[in-house]
């Protein structure tokens, strides 16, 4: 019975990792700034770039 449980857990982990692999990198769209052409796949960089662009408008 223990061996079946180990295989079941391993199979679930394998399917989950496969799901993460296929849903993550293949699904991402690049962010491109329409003003300067800055391009990135990182949401964090895109948010930081937008904040910098908005800061330039204020000052």
PDB file of N, CA and C in Angstrom:
ATOM      1  N   UNK A   1       0.820  -1.206   0.000  1.00  0.00           N
ATOM      2  CA  UNK A   1       0.000   0.000   0.000  1.00  0.00           C
ATOM      3  C   UNK A   1       0.857   1.260   0.000  1.00  0.00           C
ATOM      4  N   UNK A   2       1.997   1.222   0.664  1.00  0.00           N
ATOM      5  CA  UNK A   2       2.848   2.414   0.731  1.00  0.00           C
ATOM      6  C   UNK A   2       3.419   2.772  -0.637  1.00  0.00           C
ATOM      7  N   UNK A   3       3.756   1.767  -1.409  1.00  0.00           N
ATOM      8  CA  UNK A   3       4.340   2.018  -2.719  1.00  0.00           C
ATOM      9  C   UNK A   3       3.327   2.684  -3.650  1.00  0.00           C
ATOM     10  N   UNK A   4       2.063   2.312  -3.562  1.00  0.00           N
ATOM     11  CA  UNK A   4       1.014   2.928  -4.372  1.00  0.00           C
ATOM     12  C   UNK A   4       0.856   4.388  -3.979  1.00  0.00           C
ATOM     13  N   UNK A   5       0.932   4.686  -2.690  1.00  0.00           N
ATOM     14  CA  UNK A   5       0.812   6.061  -2.206  1.00  0.00           C
ATOM     15  C   UNK A   5       1.977   6.909  -2.709  1.00  0.00           C
ATOM     16  N   UNK A   6       3.173   6.351  -2.659  1.00  0.00           N
ATOM     17  CA  UNK A   6       4.350   7.090  -3.137  1.00  0.00           C
ATOM     18  C   UNK A   6       4.221   7.383  -4.630  1.00  0.00           C
ATOM     19  N   UNK A   7       3.792   6.404  -5.401  1.00  0.00           N
ATOM     20  CA  UNK A   7       3.601   6.621  -6.834  1.00  0.00           C
ATOM     21  C   UNK A   7       2.503   7.651  -7.096  1.00  0.00           C
ATOM     22  N   UNK A   8       1.458   7.611  -6.310  1.00  0.00           N
ATOM     23  CA  UNK A   8       0.360   8.572  -6.484  1.00  0.00           C
ATOM     24  C   UNK A   8       0.823   9.993  -6.208  1.00  0.00           C
ATOM     25  N   UNK A   9       1.557  10.172  -5.112  1.00  0.00           N
ATOM     26  CA  UNK A   9       2.078  11.503  -4.779  1.00  0.00           C
ATOM     27  C   UNK A   9       3.056  11.964  -5.852  1.00  0.00           C
ATOM     28  N   UNK A  10       3.913  11.064  -6.310  1.00  0.00           N
ATOM     29  CA  UNK A  10       4.861  11.409  -7.371  1.00  0.00           C
ATOM     30  C   UNK A  10       4.164  11.800  -8.658  1.00  0.00           C
ATOM     31  N   UNK A  11       3.108  11.085  -9.006  1.00  0.00           N
ATOM     32  CA  UNK A  11       2.362  11.396 -10.218  1.00  0.00           C
ATOM     33  C   UNK A  11       1.689  12.765 -10.106  1.00  0.00           C
ATOM     34  N   UNK A  12       1.102  13.057  -8.951  1.00  0.00           N
ATOM     35  CA  UNK A  12       0.448  14.349  -8.746  1.00  0.00           C
ATOM     36  C   UNK A  12       1.480  15.474  -8.825  1.00  0.00           C
ATOM     37  N   UNK A  13       2.637  15.290  -8.209  1.00  0.00           N
ATOM     38  CA  UNK A  13       3.687  16.304  -8.293  1.00  0.00           C
ATOM     39  C   UNK A  13       4.186  16.488  -9.726  1.00  0.00           C
ATOM     40  N   UNK A  14       4.319  15.395 -10.451  1.00  0.00           N
ATOM     41  CA  UNK A  14       4.747  15.475 -11.846  1.00  0.00           C
ATOM     42  C   UNK A  14       3.739  16.257 -12.688  1.00  0.00           C
ATOM     43  N   UNK A  15       2.464  15.975 -12.520  1.00  0.00           N
ATOM     44  CA  UNK A  15       1.421  16.674 -13.274  1.00  0.00           C
ATOM     45  C   UNK A  15       1.401  18.149 -12.896  1.00  0.00           C
ATOM     46  N   UNK A  16       1.568  18.455 -11.617  1.00  0.00           N
ATOM     47  CA  UNK A  16       1.570  19.846 -11.172  1.00  0.00           C
ATOM     48  C   UNK A  16       2.762  20.608 -11.751  1.00  0.00           C
ATOM     49  N   UNK A  17       3.942  20.001 -11.738  1.00  0.00           N
ATOM     50  CA  UNK A  17       5.125  20.644 -12.315  1.00  0.00           C
ATOM     51  C   UNK A  17       4.963  20.840 -13.823  1.00  0.00           C
ATOM     52  N   UNK A  18       4.384  19.868 -14.475  1.00  0.00           N
ATOM     53  CA  UNK A  18       4.133  19.994 -15.909  1.00  0.00           C
ATOM     54  C   UNK A  18       3.164  21.138 -16.191  1.00  0.00           C
ATOM     55  N   UNK A  19       2.144  21.259 -15.368  1.00  0.00           N
ATOM     56  CA  UNK A  19       1.191  22.358 -15.504  1.00  0.00           C
ATOM     57  C   UNK A  19       1.884  23.706 -15.319  1.00  0.00           C
ATOM     58  N   UNK A  20       2.725  23.835 -14.291  1.00  0.00           N
ATOM     59  CA  UNK A  20       3.438  25.092 -14.056  1.00  0.00           C
ATOM     60  C   UNK A  20       4.371  25.431 -15.213  1.00  0.00           C
ATOM     61  N   UNK A  21       5.020  24.423 -15.745  1.00  0.00           N
ATOM     62  CA  UNK A  21       5.942  24.638 -16.850  1.00  0.00           C
ATOM     63  C   UNK A  21       5.225  25.119 -18.101  1.00  0.00           C
ATOM     64  N   UNK A  22       4.092  24.509 -18.406  1.00  0.00           N
ATOM     65  CA  UNK A  22       3.374  24.852 -19.632  1.00  0.00           C
ATOM     66  C   UNK A  22       2.533  26.111 -19.500  1.00  0.00           C
ATOM     67  N   UNK A  23       2.057  26.424 -18.325  1.00  0.00           N
ATOM     68  CA  UNK A  23       1.189  27.591 -18.180  1.00  0.00           C
ATOM     69  C   UNK A  23       1.965  28.875 -17.948  1.00  0.00           C
ATOM     70  N   UNK A  24       3.173  28.788 -17.439  1.00  0.00           N
ATOM     71  CA  UNK A  24       3.923  29.985 -17.097  1.00  0.00           C
ATOM     72  C   UNK A  24       4.619  30.645 -18.274  1.00  0.00           C
ATOM     73  N   UNK A  25       5.753  30.116 -18.700  1.00  0.00           N
ATOM     74  CA  UNK A  25       6.565  30.795 -19.713  1.00  0.00           C
ATOM     75  C   UNK A  25       5.904  30.919 -21.078  1.00  0.00           C
ATOM     76  N   UNK A  26       5.066  29.979 -21.459  1.00  0.00           N
ATOM     77  CA  UNK A  26       4.474  30.045 -22.791  1.00  0.00           C
ATOM     78  C   UNK A  26       3.324  31.043 -22.870  1.00  0.00           C
ATOM     79  N   UNK A  27       2.799  31.416 -21.725  1.00  0.00           N
ATOM     80  CA  UNK A  27       1.615  32.262 -21.678  1.00  0.00           C
ATOM     81  C   UNK A  27       1.943  33.755 -21.576  1.00  0.00           C
ATOM     82  N   UNK A  28       3.166  34.077 -21.269  1.00  0.00           N
ATOM     83  CA  UNK A  28       3.502  35.464 -20.961  1.00  0.00           C
ATOM     84  C   UNK A  28       3.576  36.324 -22.214  1.00  0.00           C
ATOM     85  N   UNK A  29       3.078  37.527 -22.089  1.00  0.00           N
ATOM     86  CA  UNK A  29       3.143  38.515 -23.161  1.00  0.00           C
ATOM     87  C   UNK A  29       4.160  39.579 -22.778  1.00  0.00           C
ATOM     88  N   UNK A  30       4.946  40.060 -23.717  1.00  0.00           N
ATOM     89  CA  UNK A  30       5.898  41.115 -23.371  1.00  0.00           C
ATOM     90  C   UNK A  30       5.183  42.442 -23.139  1.00  0.00           C
ATOM     91  N   UNK A  31       5.714  43.225 -22.208  1.00  0.00           N
ATOM     92  CA  UNK A  31       5.230  44.582 -21.979  1.00  0.00           C
ATOM     93  C   UNK A  31       6.095  45.497 -22.828  1.00  0.00           C
ATOM     94  N   UNK A  32       5.481  46.361 -23.594  1.00  0.00           N
ATOM     95  CA  UNK A  32       6.228  47.318 -24.401  1.00  0.00           C
ATOM     96  C   UNK A  32       5.678  48.712 -24.151  1.00  0.00           C
ATOM     97  N   UNK A  33       6.560  49.627 -23.785  1.00  0.00           N
ATOM     98  CA  UNK A  33       6.167  51.006 -23.543  1.00  0.00           C
ATOM     99  C   UNK A  33       5.919  51.692 -24.885  1.00  0.00           C
ATOM    100  N   UNK A  34       4.789  52.336 -25.011  1.00  0.00           N
ATOM    101  CA  UNK A  34       4.452  52.985 -26.272  1.00  0.00           C
ATOM    102  C   UNK A  34       5.224  54.291 -26.475  1.00  0.00           C
ATOM    103  N   UNK A  35       5.789  54.831 -25.394  1.00  0.00           N
ATOM    104  CA  UNK A  35       6.503  56.111 -25.505  1.00  0.00           C
ATOM    105  C   UNK A  35       7.971  55.945 -25.870  1.00  0.00           C
ATOM    106  N   UNK A  36       8.628  54.943 -25.238  1.00  0.00           N
ATOM    107  CA  UNK A  36      10.077  54.837 -25.451  1.00  0.00           C
ATOM    108  C   UNK A  36      10.509  53.499 -26.026  1.00  0.00           C
ATOM    109  N   UNK A  37       9.605  52.518 -26.137  1.00  0.00           N
ATOM    110  CA  UNK A  37       9.952  51.235 -26.711  1.00  0.00           C
ATOM    111  C   UNK A  37      10.563  50.250 -25.732  1.00  0.00           C
ATOM    112  N   UNK A  38      10.591  50.580 -24.437  1.00  0.00           N
ATOM    113  CA  UNK A  38      11.104  49.673 -23.415  1.00  0.00           C
ATOM    114  C   UNK A  38      10.289  48.385 -23.431  1.00  0.00           C
ATOM    115  N   UNK A  39      10.970  47.225 -23.414  1.00  0.00           N
ATOM    116  CA  UNK A  39      10.267  45.947 -23.486  1.00  0.00           C
ATOM    117  C   UNK A  39      10.785  44.997 -22.417  1.00  0.00           C
ATOM    118  N   UNK A  40       9.867  44.316 -21.742  1.00  0.00           N
ATOM    119  CA  UNK A  40      10.235  43.341 -20.719  1.00  0.00           C
ATOM    120  C   UNK A  40       9.130  42.303 -20.561  1.00  0.00           C
ATOM    121  N   UNK A  41       9.505  41.147 -20.021  1.00  0.00           N
ATOM    122  CA  UNK A  41       8.527  40.109 -19.694  1.00  0.00           C
ATOM    123  C   UNK A  41       8.200  40.134 -18.206  1.00  0.00           C
ATOM    124  N   UNK A  42       8.936  40.924 -17.438  1.00  0.00           N
ATOM    125  CA  UNK A  42       8.765  40.966 -15.993  1.00  0.00           C
ATOM    126  C   UNK A  42       7.693  41.980 -15.612  1.00  0.00           C
ATOM    127  N   UNK A  43       6.695  41.529 -14.858  1.00  0.00           N
ATOM    128  CA  UNK A  43       5.653  42.449 -14.400  1.00  0.00           C
ATOM    129  C   UNK A  43       6.227  43.473 -13.434  1.00  0.00           C
ATOM    130  N   UNK A  44       7.215  43.064 -12.639  1.00  0.00           N
ATOM    131  CA  UNK A  44       7.838  43.975 -11.685  1.00  0.00           C
ATOM    132  C   UNK A  44       8.572  45.104 -12.406  1.00  0.00           C
ATOM    133  N   UNK A  45       9.333  44.772 -13.435  1.00  0.00           N
ATOM    134  CA  UNK A  45      10.025  45.800 -14.218  1.00  0.00           C
ATOM    135  C   UNK A  45       9.031  46.711 -14.934  1.00  0.00           C
ATOM    136  N   UNK A  46       7.970  46.151 -15.450  1.00  0.00           N
ATOM    137  CA  UNK A  46       6.965  46.951 -16.151  1.00  0.00           C
ATOM    138  C   UNK A  46       6.309  47.942 -15.197  1.00  0.00           C
ATOM    139  N   UNK A  47       5.991  47.498 -13.984  1.00  0.00           N
ATOM    140  CA  UNK A  47       5.388  48.393 -13.002  1.00  0.00           C
ATOM    141  C   UNK A  47       6.360  49.499 -12.625  1.00  0.00           C
ATOM    142  N   UNK A  48       7.621  49.153 -12.407  1.00  0.00           N
ATOM    143  CA  UNK A  48       8.629  50.159 -12.077  1.00  0.00           C
ATOM    144  C   UNK A  48       8.818  51.152 -13.208  1.00  0.00           C
ATOM    145  N   UNK A  49       8.789  50.677 -14.441  1.00  0.00           N
ATOM    146  CA  UNK A  49       8.948  51.564 -15.591  1.00  0.00           C
ATOM    147  C   UNK A  49       7.769  52.529 -15.688  1.00  0.00           C
ATOM    148  N   UNK A  50       6.564  52.029 -15.459  1.00  0.00           N
ATOM    149  CA  UNK A  50       5.391  52.905 -15.503  1.00  0.00           C
ATOM    150  C   UNK A  50       5.456  53.974 -14.418  1.00  0.00           C
ATOM    151  N   UNK A  51       5.927  53.611 -13.230  1.00  0.00           N
ATOM    152  CA  UNK A  51       6.058  54.586 -12.153  1.00  0.00           C
ATOM    153  C   UNK A  51       7.091  55.645 -12.516  1.00  0.00           C
ATOM    154  N   UNK A  52       8.199  55.231 -13.133  1.00  0.00           N
ATOM    155  CA  UNK A  52       9.212  56.205 -13.552  1.00  0.00           C
ATOM    156  C   UNK A  52       8.657  57.141 -14.623  1.00  0.00           C
ATOM    157  N   UNK A  53       7.911  56.600 -15.575  1.00  0.00           N
ATOM    158  CA  UNK A  53       7.322  57.431 -16.614  1.00  0.00           C
ATOM    159  C   UNK A  53       6.340  58.439 -16.014  1.00  0.00           C
ATOM    160  N   UNK A  54       5.540  58.006 -15.061  1.00  0.00           N
ATOM    161  CA  UNK A  54       4.581  58.906 -14.421  1.00  0.00           C
ATOM    162  C   UNK A  54       5.286  59.948 -13.574  1.00  0.00           C
ATOM    163  N   UNK A  55       6.418  59.603 -12.976  1.00  0.00           N
ATOM    164  CA  UNK A  55       7.180  60.574 -12.178  1.00  0.00           C
ATOM    165  C   UNK A  55       7.745  61.666 -13.076  1.00  0.00           C
ATOM    166  N   UNK A  56       8.132  61.315 -14.291  1.00  0.00           N
ATOM    167  CA  UNK A  56       8.664  62.333 -15.207  1.00  0.00           C
ATOM    168  C   UNK A  56       7.559  63.308 -15.627  1.00  0.00           C
ATOM    169  N   UNK A  57       6.335  62.830 -15.720  1.00  0.00           N
ATOM    170  CA  UNK A  57       5.231  63.721 -16.099  1.00  0.00           C
ATOM    171  C   UNK A  57       4.956  64.760 -15.020  1.00  0.00           C
ATOM    172  N   UNK A  58       5.110  64.358 -13.740  1.00  0.00           N
ATOM    173  CA  UNK A  58       4.800  65.261 -12.633  1.00  0.00           C
ATOM    174  C   UNK A  58       5.864  66.320 -12.488  1.00  0.00           C
ATOM    175  N   UNK A  59       7.135  65.957 -12.601  1.00  0.00           N
ATOM    176  CA  UNK A  59       8.208  66.928 -12.379  1.00  0.00           C
ATOM    177  C   UNK A  59       8.620  67.657 -13.624  1.00  0.00           C
TER     178      UNK A  59
END
